N, C-alpha and C. Protein backbone atom coordinates (compact mmCIF):
# COMPACT_ATOMS: atom_id res chain seq x y z
N MET A 1 -27.92 -33.30 14.81
CA MET A 1 -29.15 -32.81 15.00
C MET A 1 -29.80 -32.59 13.63
N SER A 2 -31.14 -33.21 13.47
CA SER A 2 -31.73 -33.03 12.16
C SER A 2 -32.44 -31.86 11.99
N SER A 3 -33.01 -31.53 10.75
CA SER A 3 -33.83 -30.20 10.54
C SER A 3 -35.05 -30.21 11.35
N CYS A 4 -35.60 -31.50 11.49
CA CYS A 4 -36.88 -31.53 12.53
C CYS A 4 -36.51 -31.07 13.90
N SER A 5 -35.35 -31.47 14.47
CA SER A 5 -34.87 -31.11 15.80
C SER A 5 -34.79 -29.50 15.70
N ILE A 6 -34.30 -28.91 14.60
CA ILE A 6 -34.10 -27.40 14.65
C ILE A 6 -35.63 -26.95 14.84
N ASP A 7 -36.41 -27.46 13.82
CA ASP A 7 -37.95 -27.15 14.02
C ASP A 7 -38.46 -27.29 15.47
N ASP A 8 -37.94 -28.27 16.18
CA ASP A 8 -38.52 -28.54 17.36
C ASP A 8 -37.98 -27.40 18.44
N LEU A 9 -36.66 -27.21 18.13
CA LEU A 9 -36.02 -25.90 18.98
C LEU A 9 -36.78 -24.47 18.96
N LEU A 10 -37.04 -24.55 17.45
CA LEU A 10 -37.80 -23.24 17.23
C LEU A 10 -39.11 -23.00 17.81
N ARG A 11 -39.79 -24.22 17.72
CA ARG A 11 -41.35 -24.29 18.38
C ARG A 11 -41.21 -23.89 19.86
N CYS A 12 -40.16 -24.37 20.44
CA CYS A 12 -39.95 -24.26 22.02
C CYS A 12 -39.33 -23.15 22.51
N HIS A 13 -38.48 -22.55 21.80
CA HIS A 13 -37.65 -21.48 22.22
C HIS A 13 -37.74 -20.31 21.19
N PRO A 14 -37.37 -19.22 21.72
CA PRO A 14 -37.30 -17.96 20.89
C PRO A 14 -36.02 -18.16 19.73
N GLY A 15 -36.29 -17.67 18.57
CA GLY A 15 -35.35 -17.93 17.55
C GLY A 15 -34.00 -16.98 17.99
N ASP A 16 -34.06 -16.05 18.76
CA ASP A 16 -32.74 -15.37 19.15
C ASP A 16 -32.06 -16.12 20.31
N ASP A 17 -32.36 -17.23 20.97
CA ASP A 17 -32.07 -18.21 21.76
C ASP A 17 -30.73 -18.45 21.54
N PRO A 18 -29.62 -18.15 22.18
CA PRO A 18 -28.10 -18.73 21.78
C PRO A 18 -28.14 -20.39 21.43
N ALA A 19 -28.99 -20.89 22.25
CA ALA A 19 -28.88 -22.50 21.99
C ALA A 19 -29.39 -22.70 20.66
N VAL A 20 -30.47 -22.03 20.33
CA VAL A 20 -30.91 -22.26 18.71
C VAL A 20 -29.93 -21.89 17.89
N ILE A 21 -29.14 -20.86 18.00
CA ILE A 21 -28.39 -20.26 16.99
C ILE A 21 -27.14 -21.21 16.87
N GLU A 22 -26.71 -21.59 18.19
CA GLU A 22 -25.47 -22.61 18.15
C GLU A 22 -25.94 -23.94 17.46
N ALA A 23 -27.12 -24.34 17.71
CA ALA A 23 -27.55 -25.64 17.12
C ALA A 23 -27.71 -25.53 15.40
N ILE A 24 -28.07 -24.23 15.08
CA ILE A 24 -28.19 -24.19 13.66
C ILE A 24 -26.86 -24.12 13.03
N VAL A 25 -25.82 -23.51 13.71
CA VAL A 25 -24.51 -23.27 13.10
C VAL A 25 -23.73 -24.61 13.01
N THR A 26 -23.98 -25.19 14.04
CA THR A 26 -23.47 -26.60 14.30
C THR A 26 -23.81 -27.52 13.18
N GLU A 27 -25.18 -27.58 12.85
CA GLU A 27 -25.84 -28.43 12.02
C GLU A 27 -25.54 -28.08 10.51
N TYR A 28 -25.57 -26.68 10.14
CA TYR A 28 -25.44 -26.34 8.82
C TYR A 28 -24.25 -25.65 8.53
N ARG A 29 -23.40 -25.47 9.19
CA ARG A 29 -22.10 -24.76 8.74
C ARG A 29 -21.47 -25.14 7.57
N ALA A 30 -21.26 -26.74 7.65
CA ALA A 30 -20.47 -27.58 6.50
C ALA A 30 -21.30 -27.19 5.08
N PRO A 31 -22.57 -27.56 5.07
CA PRO A 31 -23.34 -27.57 3.79
C PRO A 31 -23.36 -25.99 3.21
N VAL A 32 -23.50 -24.97 4.30
CA VAL A 32 -23.64 -23.54 3.84
C VAL A 32 -22.44 -23.22 3.17
N TYR A 33 -21.18 -23.59 3.99
CA TYR A 33 -19.95 -23.16 3.34
C TYR A 33 -19.46 -23.90 1.91
N ARG A 34 -20.09 -25.15 1.84
CA ARG A 34 -19.71 -25.82 0.59
C ARG A 34 -20.37 -25.12 -0.51
N LEU A 35 -21.81 -24.70 -0.35
CA LEU A 35 -22.49 -23.85 -1.32
C LEU A 35 -21.80 -22.65 -1.62
N ALA A 36 -21.35 -21.94 -0.60
CA ALA A 36 -20.66 -20.68 -0.73
C ALA A 36 -19.39 -20.82 -1.60
N CYS A 37 -18.71 -21.88 -1.24
CA CYS A 37 -17.50 -22.19 -1.91
C CYS A 37 -17.69 -22.60 -3.47
N ALA A 38 -18.93 -23.37 -3.71
CA ALA A 38 -19.13 -23.66 -4.99
C ALA A 38 -19.61 -22.42 -5.87
N LEU A 39 -20.23 -21.56 -5.12
CA LEU A 39 -20.79 -20.45 -6.04
C LEU A 39 -19.62 -19.16 -6.16
N LEU A 40 -18.85 -19.17 -5.06
CA LEU A 40 -17.89 -17.84 -5.03
C LEU A 40 -16.46 -18.38 -5.67
N ASP A 41 -16.11 -19.80 -5.54
CA ASP A 41 -14.79 -20.25 -5.80
C ASP A 41 -13.62 -19.51 -5.29
N ASP A 42 -13.95 -19.13 -3.84
CA ASP A 42 -12.90 -18.47 -3.09
C ASP A 42 -13.09 -18.67 -1.71
N PRO A 43 -12.21 -19.53 -1.07
CA PRO A 43 -12.50 -19.84 0.28
C PRO A 43 -12.70 -18.68 1.28
N ALA A 44 -11.95 -17.68 1.20
CA ALA A 44 -11.99 -16.80 2.02
C ALA A 44 -13.51 -15.92 2.00
N GLU A 45 -13.83 -15.67 0.72
CA GLU A 45 -15.02 -15.11 0.66
C GLU A 45 -16.39 -16.02 0.82
N ALA A 46 -16.08 -17.36 0.55
CA ALA A 46 -16.93 -18.34 1.03
C ALA A 46 -17.21 -18.31 2.61
N ASP A 47 -16.14 -18.06 3.24
CA ASP A 47 -16.19 -18.03 4.62
C ASP A 47 -16.99 -16.71 5.12
N ASP A 48 -16.56 -15.66 4.53
CA ASP A 48 -17.41 -14.46 4.91
C ASP A 48 -18.92 -14.54 4.65
N ALA A 49 -19.31 -15.03 3.45
CA ALA A 49 -20.51 -15.51 3.11
C ALA A 49 -21.44 -16.46 3.99
N THR A 50 -20.49 -17.29 4.54
CA THR A 50 -21.17 -18.18 5.66
C THR A 50 -21.62 -17.38 6.69
N GLN A 51 -20.65 -16.64 7.09
CA GLN A 51 -20.83 -15.68 8.46
C GLN A 51 -22.12 -14.86 8.12
N GLU A 52 -22.20 -14.21 6.91
CA GLU A 52 -23.38 -13.40 6.56
C GLU A 52 -24.57 -14.17 6.64
N THR A 53 -24.64 -15.51 6.23
CA THR A 53 -25.58 -16.37 6.33
C THR A 53 -26.32 -16.46 7.51
N PHE A 54 -25.39 -16.86 8.47
CA PHE A 54 -25.88 -17.18 9.72
C PHE A 54 -26.18 -15.89 10.44
N ILE A 55 -25.80 -14.63 10.25
CA ILE A 55 -26.10 -13.56 10.89
C ILE A 55 -27.46 -13.09 10.34
N ALA A 56 -27.71 -13.17 9.01
CA ALA A 56 -29.01 -12.81 8.36
C ALA A 56 -30.05 -14.07 8.81
N ALA A 57 -29.69 -15.18 9.03
CA ALA A 57 -30.51 -16.07 9.47
C ALA A 57 -31.00 -15.75 10.99
N ALA A 58 -30.26 -15.40 11.93
CA ALA A 58 -30.52 -15.03 13.18
C ALA A 58 -31.20 -13.88 13.25
N LEU A 59 -31.16 -12.81 12.28
CA LEU A 59 -31.86 -11.63 12.33
C LEU A 59 -33.35 -11.82 11.79
N HIS A 60 -33.55 -12.86 10.96
CA HIS A 60 -34.82 -13.01 10.37
C HIS A 60 -35.32 -14.50 10.60
N ILE A 61 -34.90 -14.93 11.74
CA ILE A 61 -35.48 -16.51 11.97
C ILE A 61 -37.03 -16.48 12.04
N GLU A 62 -37.64 -15.23 12.41
CA GLU A 62 -38.98 -15.35 12.62
C GLU A 62 -39.81 -15.43 11.25
N ARG A 63 -38.96 -15.20 10.09
CA ARG A 63 -39.57 -15.48 8.99
C ARG A 63 -39.92 -16.95 8.43
N TYR A 64 -39.03 -17.76 9.15
CA TYR A 64 -38.99 -19.20 8.89
C TYR A 64 -40.26 -19.85 9.44
N GLN A 65 -40.81 -20.68 8.69
CA GLN A 65 -42.26 -21.45 9.35
C GLN A 65 -41.75 -22.77 9.73
N PRO A 66 -41.64 -23.14 11.00
CA PRO A 66 -41.15 -24.45 11.30
C PRO A 66 -42.18 -25.43 10.79
N GLY A 67 -41.51 -26.62 10.44
CA GLY A 67 -42.23 -27.62 9.71
C GLY A 67 -41.86 -27.57 8.13
N THR A 68 -41.37 -26.42 7.77
CA THR A 68 -41.17 -26.41 6.26
C THR A 68 -39.77 -26.86 6.13
N ASN A 69 -39.09 -26.47 5.09
CA ASN A 69 -37.70 -27.17 5.01
C ASN A 69 -36.63 -26.01 5.27
N PHE A 70 -36.20 -26.24 6.65
CA PHE A 70 -35.25 -25.34 7.11
C PHE A 70 -33.90 -25.22 6.41
N ARG A 71 -33.32 -26.40 5.94
CA ARG A 71 -32.06 -26.26 5.13
C ARG A 71 -32.30 -25.57 3.71
N ALA A 72 -33.51 -25.76 3.13
CA ALA A 72 -33.67 -24.85 1.84
C ALA A 72 -33.74 -23.58 2.19
N TRP A 73 -34.35 -23.20 3.35
CA TRP A 73 -34.47 -21.87 3.74
C TRP A 73 -33.15 -21.06 3.93
N LEU A 74 -32.16 -21.94 4.51
CA LEU A 74 -30.97 -21.32 4.95
C LEU A 74 -30.22 -21.24 3.71
N LEU A 75 -30.17 -22.30 2.95
CA LEU A 75 -29.28 -22.20 1.59
C LEU A 75 -29.77 -21.16 0.63
N THR A 76 -31.04 -20.95 0.68
CA THR A 76 -31.56 -19.69 -0.12
C THR A 76 -30.83 -18.44 0.44
N ILE A 77 -30.82 -18.29 1.71
CA ILE A 77 -30.03 -17.19 2.26
C ILE A 77 -28.60 -17.10 1.75
N THR A 78 -27.89 -18.20 1.86
CA THR A 78 -26.52 -18.40 1.41
C THR A 78 -26.38 -17.96 0.08
N ALA A 79 -27.25 -18.52 -0.96
CA ALA A 79 -27.44 -18.08 -2.28
C ALA A 79 -27.45 -16.57 -2.53
N ASN A 80 -28.36 -16.03 -1.73
CA ASN A 80 -28.56 -14.61 -2.12
C ASN A 80 -27.29 -13.73 -1.45
N ALA A 81 -26.76 -14.28 -0.31
CA ALA A 81 -25.39 -13.59 0.14
C ALA A 81 -24.32 -13.66 -0.92
N CYS A 82 -24.26 -14.91 -1.58
CA CYS A 82 -23.17 -15.08 -2.62
C CYS A 82 -23.49 -14.18 -3.82
N LYS A 83 -24.82 -14.13 -4.30
CA LYS A 83 -25.30 -13.23 -5.25
C LYS A 83 -24.80 -11.90 -5.21
N GLY A 84 -25.00 -11.43 -3.94
CA GLY A 84 -24.59 -9.93 -3.65
C GLY A 84 -22.98 -9.85 -3.76
N ARG A 85 -22.45 -10.82 -3.33
CA ARG A 85 -20.81 -10.70 -3.46
C ARG A 85 -20.43 -10.85 -5.01
N LEU A 86 -21.10 -11.71 -5.67
CA LEU A 86 -20.90 -11.83 -7.18
C LEU A 86 -21.20 -10.32 -7.97
N ARG A 87 -22.22 -9.83 -7.61
CA ARG A 87 -22.71 -8.42 -7.98
C ARG A 87 -21.49 -7.54 -7.77
N LYS A 88 -20.99 -7.50 -6.54
CA LYS A 88 -19.94 -6.45 -6.20
C LYS A 88 -18.71 -6.88 -7.10
N ARG A 89 -18.53 -7.97 -7.39
CA ARG A 89 -17.14 -8.51 -8.06
C ARG A 89 -17.40 -7.94 -9.57
N LYS A 90 -18.60 -7.98 -10.15
CA LYS A 90 -19.01 -7.48 -11.46
C LYS A 90 -18.90 -5.98 -11.53
N VAL A 91 -19.35 -5.39 -10.39
CA VAL A 91 -19.35 -3.77 -10.52
C VAL A 91 -17.83 -3.58 -10.42
N ARG A 92 -17.08 -4.01 -9.78
CA ARG A 92 -15.67 -3.90 -9.70
C ARG A 92 -14.88 -4.12 -10.93
N ARG A 93 -15.27 -5.31 -11.60
CA ARG A 93 -14.56 -5.63 -12.86
C ARG A 93 -15.04 -4.49 -13.96
N ASN A 94 -16.37 -4.30 -13.81
CA ASN A 94 -16.98 -3.42 -14.94
C ASN A 94 -16.17 -1.94 -14.92
N LEU A 95 -15.95 -1.60 -13.54
CA LEU A 95 -15.33 -0.27 -13.53
C LEU A 95 -13.84 -0.29 -13.79
N GLU A 96 -13.26 -1.39 -13.39
CA GLU A 96 -11.83 -1.68 -13.79
C GLU A 96 -11.66 -1.67 -15.41
N ASN A 97 -12.63 -2.27 -16.09
CA ASN A 97 -12.49 -2.44 -17.47
C ASN A 97 -12.59 -0.98 -18.22
N LEU A 98 -13.63 -0.17 -17.58
CA LEU A 98 -13.92 1.16 -18.25
C LEU A 98 -12.75 1.94 -17.77
N LEU A 99 -12.04 1.78 -16.53
CA LEU A 99 -10.94 2.66 -16.40
C LEU A 99 -9.65 2.22 -17.01
N SER A 100 -9.44 1.06 -17.36
CA SER A 100 -8.52 0.55 -18.16
C SER A 100 -8.40 1.10 -19.52
N GLY A 101 -9.78 1.22 -20.11
CA GLY A 101 -10.14 1.71 -21.43
C GLY A 101 -9.55 3.29 -21.21
N LEU A 102 -9.72 3.77 -20.19
CA LEU A 102 -9.22 5.42 -19.94
C LEU A 102 -7.75 5.35 -19.72
N HIS A 103 -6.99 4.25 -19.67
CA HIS A 103 -5.81 4.24 -19.37
C HIS A 103 -5.33 4.52 -17.89
N LEU A 104 -6.44 4.41 -16.97
CA LEU A 104 -6.19 4.88 -15.54
C LEU A 104 -5.69 3.58 -15.01
N LEU A 105 -6.07 2.31 -15.52
CA LEU A 105 -5.44 1.03 -14.76
C LEU A 105 -4.76 0.40 -15.72
N GLN A 106 -3.72 -0.39 -15.51
CA GLN A 106 -3.10 -1.28 -16.60
C GLN A 106 -3.13 -2.67 -15.62
N ASP A 107 -2.59 -3.59 -16.36
CA ASP A 107 -2.43 -4.82 -15.73
C ASP A 107 -1.30 -4.66 -14.60
N PRO A 108 -1.50 -5.54 -13.57
CA PRO A 108 -0.56 -5.61 -12.53
C PRO A 108 0.86 -5.96 -12.97
N PRO A 109 1.90 -5.28 -12.53
CA PRO A 109 3.32 -5.56 -12.82
C PRO A 109 3.64 -7.04 -12.12
N PRO A 110 4.71 -7.68 -12.62
CA PRO A 110 5.06 -9.06 -12.26
C PRO A 110 5.84 -8.99 -10.99
N ASP A 111 6.62 -7.99 -10.76
CA ASP A 111 7.54 -7.94 -9.51
C ASP A 111 6.66 -7.44 -8.21
N PRO A 112 7.17 -7.92 -7.03
CA PRO A 112 6.21 -7.62 -5.82
C PRO A 112 6.11 -6.15 -5.50
N GLU A 113 7.28 -5.41 -5.68
CA GLU A 113 7.09 -4.15 -5.25
C GLU A 113 6.23 -3.50 -6.19
N SER A 114 6.14 -3.49 -7.50
CA SER A 114 5.35 -2.94 -8.40
C SER A 114 3.96 -3.32 -8.17
N ALA A 115 3.67 -4.67 -7.74
CA ALA A 115 2.40 -5.15 -7.69
C ALA A 115 1.92 -4.60 -6.47
N ALA A 116 2.66 -4.34 -5.37
CA ALA A 116 2.25 -3.59 -4.24
C ALA A 116 1.76 -2.16 -4.35
N LEU A 117 2.38 -1.51 -5.34
CA LEU A 117 1.99 -0.11 -5.78
C LEU A 117 0.82 -0.31 -6.52
N HIS A 118 0.68 -1.07 -7.37
CA HIS A 118 -0.67 -1.24 -8.10
C HIS A 118 -1.87 -1.40 -7.33
N HIS A 119 -1.64 -2.45 -6.33
CA HIS A 119 -2.64 -2.48 -5.16
C HIS A 119 -2.93 -1.30 -4.37
N GLU A 120 -1.96 -0.50 -4.17
CA GLU A 120 -2.27 0.63 -3.46
C GLU A 120 -2.93 1.64 -4.30
N ARG A 121 -2.71 1.88 -5.40
CA ARG A 121 -3.19 2.70 -6.58
C ARG A 121 -4.83 2.21 -6.87
N GLY A 122 -5.15 0.94 -6.85
CA GLY A 122 -6.45 0.35 -6.87
C GLY A 122 -7.15 0.91 -5.61
N ALA A 123 -6.69 0.87 -4.66
CA ALA A 123 -7.37 1.31 -3.23
C ALA A 123 -7.66 2.82 -3.53
N GLN A 124 -6.71 3.49 -4.06
CA GLN A 124 -6.98 5.05 -4.31
C GLN A 124 -8.06 5.24 -5.20
N LEU A 125 -8.12 4.27 -6.25
CA LEU A 125 -9.14 4.56 -7.25
C LEU A 125 -10.58 4.24 -6.67
N TRP A 126 -10.74 3.30 -5.57
CA TRP A 126 -12.03 2.95 -5.20
C TRP A 126 -12.41 4.19 -4.09
N GLN A 127 -11.39 4.70 -3.47
CA GLN A 127 -11.74 5.91 -2.72
C GLN A 127 -12.06 6.99 -3.52
N ALA A 128 -11.56 7.30 -4.60
CA ALA A 128 -11.75 8.44 -5.44
C ALA A 128 -13.10 8.34 -6.04
N VAL A 129 -13.55 7.21 -6.43
CA VAL A 129 -14.84 6.67 -6.85
C VAL A 129 -16.01 7.20 -5.67
N GLY A 130 -15.72 6.88 -4.54
CA GLY A 130 -16.45 7.15 -3.36
C GLY A 130 -16.59 8.62 -3.07
N GLU A 131 -15.58 9.10 -3.34
CA GLU A 131 -15.50 10.88 -3.10
C GLU A 131 -16.15 11.61 -4.25
N LEU A 132 -16.60 10.93 -5.43
CA LEU A 132 -17.33 11.78 -6.22
C LEU A 132 -18.66 12.21 -5.95
N ASP A 133 -19.20 13.28 -6.37
CA ASP A 133 -20.47 13.92 -5.96
C ASP A 133 -21.43 12.80 -6.20
N GLU A 134 -22.50 12.85 -5.62
CA GLU A 134 -23.56 11.63 -5.80
C GLU A 134 -23.97 11.70 -7.31
N LYS A 135 -24.33 12.91 -7.83
CA LYS A 135 -24.78 12.99 -9.15
C LYS A 135 -23.72 12.33 -10.28
N TYR A 136 -22.52 12.30 -10.01
CA TYR A 136 -21.66 11.69 -10.90
C TYR A 136 -21.49 10.25 -10.45
N ARG A 137 -21.51 9.88 -9.26
CA ARG A 137 -21.27 8.39 -8.85
C ARG A 137 -22.38 7.72 -9.30
N LEU A 138 -23.72 8.24 -9.26
CA LEU A 138 -24.89 7.55 -9.42
C LEU A 138 -24.86 7.15 -11.05
N VAL A 139 -24.59 8.14 -11.95
CA VAL A 139 -24.75 7.89 -13.53
C VAL A 139 -23.64 6.66 -13.70
N LEU A 140 -22.43 6.89 -12.95
CA LEU A 140 -21.43 5.83 -13.25
C LEU A 140 -21.79 4.66 -12.85
N VAL A 141 -22.60 4.43 -11.81
CA VAL A 141 -22.94 3.09 -11.09
C VAL A 141 -24.00 2.49 -12.12
N LEU A 142 -25.10 3.41 -12.55
CA LEU A 142 -26.12 3.01 -13.34
C LEU A 142 -25.67 2.52 -14.59
N ARG A 143 -24.67 3.17 -15.18
CA ARG A 143 -23.97 2.59 -16.42
C ARG A 143 -23.21 1.55 -16.33
N LEU A 144 -22.24 1.52 -15.44
CA LEU A 144 -21.30 0.35 -15.22
C LEU A 144 -21.78 -0.77 -14.47
N VAL A 145 -22.53 -0.44 -13.52
CA VAL A 145 -22.94 -1.58 -12.46
C VAL A 145 -24.24 -2.23 -13.11
N GLN A 146 -25.39 -1.39 -13.29
CA GLN A 146 -26.52 -1.87 -13.67
C GLN A 146 -26.52 -2.08 -15.31
N GLU A 147 -25.53 -1.48 -15.92
CA GLU A 147 -25.43 -1.71 -17.44
C GLU A 147 -26.57 -1.24 -18.21
N LEU A 148 -27.17 -0.08 -17.62
CA LEU A 148 -28.28 0.62 -18.28
C LEU A 148 -27.81 1.34 -19.45
N PRO A 149 -28.70 1.39 -20.49
CA PRO A 149 -28.29 2.41 -21.66
C PRO A 149 -28.66 3.86 -21.17
N VAL A 150 -28.02 4.76 -21.84
CA VAL A 150 -28.18 6.09 -21.36
C VAL A 150 -29.66 6.53 -21.47
N SER A 151 -30.36 6.16 -22.27
CA SER A 151 -31.80 6.52 -22.39
C SER A 151 -32.54 6.04 -21.09
N GLU A 152 -32.21 4.90 -20.48
CA GLU A 152 -32.95 4.38 -19.32
C GLU A 152 -32.44 5.06 -18.28
N ILE A 153 -30.99 5.42 -18.10
CA ILE A 153 -30.55 6.15 -16.89
C ILE A 153 -31.47 7.70 -17.02
N ALA A 154 -31.51 8.08 -18.15
CA ALA A 154 -32.21 9.49 -18.23
C ALA A 154 -33.68 9.23 -17.65
N GLN A 155 -34.29 8.14 -18.01
CA GLN A 155 -35.53 7.88 -17.55
C GLN A 155 -35.74 7.86 -16.11
N VAL A 156 -34.70 7.11 -15.56
CA VAL A 156 -34.81 6.67 -13.99
C VAL A 156 -34.38 8.03 -13.21
N LEU A 157 -33.48 8.84 -13.69
CA LEU A 157 -33.09 9.85 -12.90
C LEU A 157 -34.09 11.25 -13.27
N GLY A 158 -34.93 11.07 -14.33
CA GLY A 158 -35.68 12.03 -14.76
C GLY A 158 -35.02 13.35 -15.39
N ILE A 159 -33.80 13.01 -15.98
CA ILE A 159 -33.08 14.14 -16.75
C ILE A 159 -32.79 13.84 -18.02
N ASN A 160 -32.43 14.74 -18.98
CA ASN A 160 -32.12 14.29 -20.40
C ASN A 160 -30.87 13.76 -20.55
N GLU A 161 -30.84 12.88 -21.76
CA GLU A 161 -29.74 12.09 -22.21
C GLU A 161 -28.28 12.94 -22.23
N LYS A 162 -28.42 14.29 -22.87
CA LYS A 162 -27.35 14.97 -22.90
C LYS A 162 -26.69 15.20 -21.32
N THR A 163 -27.42 15.42 -20.51
CA THR A 163 -27.09 15.65 -19.08
C THR A 163 -26.35 14.30 -18.68
N ILE A 164 -26.89 13.24 -19.05
CA ILE A 164 -26.21 11.84 -18.61
C ILE A 164 -24.75 11.70 -19.19
N TYR A 165 -24.73 11.97 -20.44
CA TYR A 165 -23.45 12.07 -21.11
C TYR A 165 -22.39 13.02 -20.45
N THR A 166 -22.93 14.19 -20.19
CA THR A 166 -22.12 15.27 -19.66
C THR A 166 -21.61 14.73 -18.09
N ARG A 167 -22.32 14.06 -17.37
CA ARG A 167 -22.02 13.60 -16.19
C ARG A 167 -21.14 12.63 -16.18
N LEU A 168 -21.30 11.56 -17.09
CA LEU A 168 -20.47 10.46 -17.32
C LEU A 168 -19.09 10.86 -17.76
N TYR A 169 -19.05 11.91 -18.57
CA TYR A 169 -17.73 12.53 -18.98
C TYR A 169 -17.07 13.11 -17.96
N GLU A 170 -17.72 13.99 -17.03
CA GLU A 170 -17.31 14.71 -15.88
C GLU A 170 -16.70 13.69 -14.85
N ALA A 171 -17.52 12.59 -14.63
CA ALA A 171 -17.09 11.57 -13.77
C ALA A 171 -15.77 10.96 -14.11
N THR A 172 -15.66 10.76 -15.32
CA THR A 172 -14.40 10.08 -15.72
C THR A 172 -13.18 11.19 -15.60
N ARG A 173 -13.58 12.32 -16.14
CA ARG A 173 -12.63 13.30 -16.05
C ARG A 173 -11.97 13.67 -14.64
N LYS A 174 -13.06 13.63 -13.68
CA LYS A 174 -12.77 13.88 -12.20
C LYS A 174 -11.82 12.73 -11.62
N LEU A 175 -12.15 11.41 -12.09
CA LEU A 175 -11.39 10.40 -11.63
C LEU A 175 -9.97 10.45 -12.27
N ARG A 176 -9.82 10.80 -13.49
CA ARG A 176 -8.56 10.93 -14.23
C ARG A 176 -7.67 11.98 -13.25
N ARG A 177 -8.41 13.27 -13.12
CA ARG A 177 -7.68 14.24 -12.30
C ARG A 177 -7.13 13.71 -10.94
N ARG A 178 -8.26 13.18 -10.14
CA ARG A 178 -7.67 12.76 -8.93
C ARG A 178 -6.58 11.66 -8.74
N LEU A 179 -6.65 10.84 -9.84
CA LEU A 179 -5.67 9.65 -9.87
C LEU A 179 -4.30 9.95 -10.64
N ALA A 180 -4.34 11.11 -11.13
CA ALA A 180 -3.14 11.56 -12.06
C ALA A 180 -1.92 11.42 -11.07
N VAL A 181 -0.85 10.98 -11.63
CA VAL A 181 0.48 10.70 -10.89
C VAL A 181 1.19 12.16 -10.81
N PRO A 182 1.62 12.62 -9.64
CA PRO A 182 2.17 13.95 -9.49
C PRO A 182 3.33 14.23 -10.70
N GLN A 183 3.40 15.45 -11.09
CA GLN A 183 4.42 15.93 -12.06
C GLN A 183 5.88 15.65 -11.62
N ASN A 184 6.55 14.96 -12.62
CA ASN A 184 7.98 14.66 -12.24
C ASN A 184 8.98 16.01 -12.36
N ALA A 185 10.11 16.09 -11.97
CA ALA A 185 11.20 17.12 -11.89
C ALA A 185 11.13 17.92 -13.23
N ASN A 186 10.98 17.34 -14.41
CA ASN A 186 10.88 18.10 -15.70
C ASN A 186 9.54 18.57 -15.98
N GLY A 187 8.58 18.57 -15.05
CA GLY A 187 7.36 19.05 -15.23
C GLY A 187 6.27 18.05 -16.12
N ALA A 188 6.89 16.89 -16.25
CA ALA A 188 5.79 15.99 -17.14
C ALA A 188 4.92 15.15 -16.21
N GLY A 189 3.68 14.94 -16.49
CA GLY A 189 2.90 14.18 -15.55
C GLY A 189 2.33 13.05 -16.42
N GLN A 190 1.73 12.06 -15.66
CA GLN A 190 1.18 10.91 -16.31
C GLN A 190 -0.26 10.71 -15.64
N GLU A 191 -1.04 10.32 -16.42
CA GLU A 191 -2.25 10.18 -16.01
C GLU A 191 -2.84 8.58 -16.13
N ARG A 192 -2.01 7.69 -15.44
CA ARG A 192 -2.30 6.36 -15.34
C ARG A 192 -1.80 5.75 -14.05
N ILE A 193 -2.45 4.61 -13.77
CA ILE A 193 -2.09 3.82 -12.41
C ILE A 193 -1.14 2.74 -12.99
N PRO A 194 0.06 2.61 -12.42
CA PRO A 194 0.76 1.52 -12.78
C PRO A 194 0.07 0.11 -12.68
């Protein structure tokens, strides 16, 4: 089925018609998946991005103008889905870099048992970040995710720079405390994730 016949289907049937959606998926699954694989370099993530693309296309099909380039429209949605996933990767990497610098994370150990423990602690880290008060989580995200300088964060939030520094300090302190390893029998504790 060509792009023109997708256009014909869209002219004759509502965009949410299952036959239209099925025709779009059948015609464009391979090119959408190939683009997602090229951008993400991860087949599992590319598969998820492909599904996101078709869901977004189905939800917003009324935005497409029949007679223009449907393939380009769909691949733009794919590229945007992939960009979102790449931004999330960057967020995670930035946070992991910061926490590594704070000795809250270390490289994963080579043996499977230790690697499983490392993965579990990583999940605990993300849960702890999610549990931070919004004022701490917000400055952490603006600093690490958006990579804004403290002066811009202060401007965005309408508070002074000293308050930003205080909240960043408190956010990392709270993460350290939440992620601290329980004390052992002799009372010694560790503040790091294996």
